[in-house]
Amino acid sequence: MSLGTILIIVLILLLIGGLPVFPHSRSWGYGPSGIIGTVLVILLILVLLGKV
């Protein structure tokens, strides 16, 4: 496994964990998952371009 693949897997897990479905995180809104989603998209672009 390359470093890029590991980073994508970790970010996907963080994205799932950041969704506001748990009682303690309902007041957070979509901020955490939006930020993690943006980082995931940027990382995917970098992997596809071969920069990571």
N, C-alpha and C. Protein backbone atom coordinates (compact mmCIF):
# COMPACT_ATOMS: atom_id res chain seq x y z
N MET A 1 0.85 -1.19 0.00
CA MET A 1 0.00 0.00 0.00
C MET A 1 0.88 1.24 0.00
N SER A 2 0.49 2.19 -0.81
CA SER A 2 1.26 3.42 -0.86
C SER A 2 0.74 4.38 0.20
N LEU A 3 1.48 5.41 0.42
CA LEU A 3 1.11 6.43 1.42
C LEU A 3 -0.19 7.12 1.03
N GLY A 4 -0.39 7.36 -0.25
CA GLY A 4 -1.61 8.00 -0.72
C GLY A 4 -2.85 7.17 -0.42
N THR A 5 -2.75 5.86 -0.61
CA THR A 5 -3.87 4.96 -0.34
C THR A 5 -4.21 4.96 1.14
N ILE A 6 -3.21 4.92 1.98
CA ILE A 6 -3.43 4.94 3.43
C ILE A 6 -4.07 6.25 3.85
N LEU A 7 -3.61 7.37 3.29
CA LEU A 7 -4.20 8.67 3.63
C LEU A 7 -5.66 8.75 3.19
N ILE A 8 -5.98 8.21 2.04
CA ILE A 8 -7.36 8.23 1.57
C ILE A 8 -8.25 7.40 2.49
N ILE A 9 -7.79 6.24 2.91
CA ILE A 9 -8.57 5.40 3.80
C ILE A 9 -8.81 6.10 5.14
N VAL A 10 -7.77 6.71 5.69
CA VAL A 10 -7.91 7.43 6.96
C VAL A 10 -8.88 8.59 6.82
N LEU A 11 -8.79 9.34 5.73
CA LEU A 11 -9.69 10.48 5.55
C LEU A 11 -11.14 10.04 5.34
N ILE A 12 -11.35 8.92 4.67
CA ILE A 12 -12.72 8.41 4.52
C ILE A 12 -13.29 8.02 5.88
N LEU A 13 -12.49 7.39 6.71
CA LEU A 13 -12.95 7.04 8.05
C LEU A 13 -13.25 8.28 8.88
N LEU A 14 -12.41 9.31 8.76
CA LEU A 14 -12.67 10.57 9.47
C LEU A 14 -13.94 11.24 8.96
N LEU A 15 -14.18 11.15 7.66
CA LEU A 15 -15.39 11.73 7.08
C LEU A 15 -16.63 11.05 7.62
N ILE A 16 -16.60 9.73 7.72
CA ILE A 16 -17.74 8.99 8.27
C ILE A 16 -17.91 9.34 9.76
N GLY A 17 -16.82 9.44 10.48
CA GLY A 17 -16.88 9.78 11.91
C GLY A 17 -17.31 11.21 12.16
N GLY A 18 -17.13 12.09 11.20
CA GLY A 18 -17.49 13.49 11.37
C GLY A 18 -18.93 13.81 11.03
N LEU A 19 -19.67 12.84 10.51
CA LEU A 19 -21.08 13.09 10.19
C LEU A 19 -21.88 13.31 11.47
N PRO A 20 -22.78 14.27 11.46
CA PRO A 20 -23.52 14.61 12.70
C PRO A 20 -24.71 13.67 12.94
N VAL A 21 -24.43 12.40 13.16
CA VAL A 21 -25.50 11.44 13.40
C VAL A 21 -25.54 11.00 14.86
N PHE A 22 -24.52 11.32 15.61
CA PHE A 22 -24.49 10.93 17.01
C PHE A 22 -25.04 12.08 17.86
N PRO A 23 -25.67 11.78 19.00
CA PRO A 23 -26.29 12.84 19.82
C PRO A 23 -25.31 13.95 20.24
N HIS A 24 -24.06 13.59 20.54
CA HIS A 24 -23.11 14.60 21.00
C HIS A 24 -22.63 15.51 19.87
N SER A 25 -22.81 15.11 18.61
CA SER A 25 -22.29 15.91 17.51
C SER A 25 -23.38 16.54 16.66
N ARG A 26 -24.63 16.45 17.06
CA ARG A 26 -25.72 17.03 16.26
C ARG A 26 -25.62 18.55 16.19
N SER A 27 -25.13 19.17 17.22
CA SER A 27 -25.04 20.64 17.21
C SER A 27 -23.86 21.16 16.40
N TRP A 28 -22.97 20.28 15.97
CA TRP A 28 -21.81 20.69 15.20
C TRP A 28 -22.18 21.10 13.78
N GLY A 29 -23.28 20.59 13.27
CA GLY A 29 -23.65 20.85 11.88
C GLY A 29 -22.77 20.03 10.95
N TYR A 30 -22.61 20.53 9.75
CA TYR A 30 -21.83 19.79 8.76
C TYR A 30 -20.41 20.34 8.61
N GLY A 31 -19.99 21.16 9.54
CA GLY A 31 -18.64 21.73 9.48
C GLY A 31 -17.53 20.71 9.45
N PRO A 32 -17.46 19.80 10.43
CA PRO A 32 -16.36 18.84 10.43
C PRO A 32 -16.33 17.95 9.19
N SER A 33 -17.47 17.46 8.77
CA SER A 33 -17.46 16.59 7.60
C SER A 33 -17.19 17.38 6.33
N GLY A 34 -17.56 18.64 6.29
CA GLY A 34 -17.27 19.47 5.12
C GLY A 34 -15.79 19.74 4.98
N ILE A 35 -15.14 20.02 6.08
CA ILE A 35 -13.69 20.27 6.06
C ILE A 35 -12.94 19.00 5.67
N ILE A 36 -13.33 17.89 6.28
CA ILE A 36 -12.66 16.63 5.96
C ILE A 36 -12.94 16.23 4.52
N GLY A 37 -14.16 16.48 4.04
CA GLY A 37 -14.49 16.18 2.65
C GLY A 37 -13.66 16.99 1.67
N THR A 38 -13.44 18.26 2.00
CA THR A 38 -12.61 19.11 1.15
C THR A 38 -11.17 18.60 1.10
N VAL A 39 -10.64 18.22 2.24
CA VAL A 39 -9.29 17.66 2.29
C VAL A 39 -9.23 16.37 1.49
N LEU A 40 -10.27 15.55 1.58
CA LEU A 40 -10.32 14.30 0.84
C LEU A 40 -10.32 14.54 -0.67
N VAL A 41 -11.08 15.52 -1.13
CA VAL A 41 -11.12 15.84 -2.55
C VAL A 41 -9.75 16.33 -3.03
N ILE A 42 -9.12 17.18 -2.25
CA ILE A 42 -7.79 17.69 -2.62
C ILE A 42 -6.79 16.54 -2.68
N LEU A 43 -6.85 15.63 -1.69
CA LEU A 43 -5.93 14.50 -1.68
C LEU A 43 -6.18 13.57 -2.87
N LEU A 44 -7.44 13.35 -3.21
CA LEU A 44 -7.75 12.52 -4.38
C LEU A 44 -7.19 13.13 -5.66
N ILE A 45 -7.31 14.43 -5.80
CA ILE A 45 -6.76 15.11 -6.99
C ILE A 45 -5.25 14.95 -7.04
N LEU A 46 -4.59 15.11 -5.88
CA LEU A 46 -3.14 14.98 -5.85
C LEU A 46 -2.69 13.55 -6.16
N VAL A 47 -3.45 12.57 -5.68
CA VAL A 47 -3.12 11.17 -5.98
C VAL A 47 -3.30 10.89 -7.47
N LEU A 48 -4.38 11.38 -8.04
CA LEU A 48 -4.63 11.15 -9.47
C LEU A 48 -3.58 11.85 -10.34
N LEU A 49 -3.07 12.98 -9.89
CA LEU A 49 -2.04 13.68 -10.63
C LEU A 49 -0.63 13.11 -10.38
N GLY A 50 -0.54 12.20 -9.41
CA GLY A 50 0.75 11.58 -9.11
C GLY A 50 1.67 12.42 -8.25
N LYS A 51 1.11 13.37 -7.52
CA LYS A 51 1.93 14.24 -6.66
C LYS A 51 2.17 13.66 -5.29
N VAL A 52 1.35 12.68 -4.88
CA VAL A 52 1.50 12.09 -3.54
C VAL A 52 1.92 10.64 -3.69
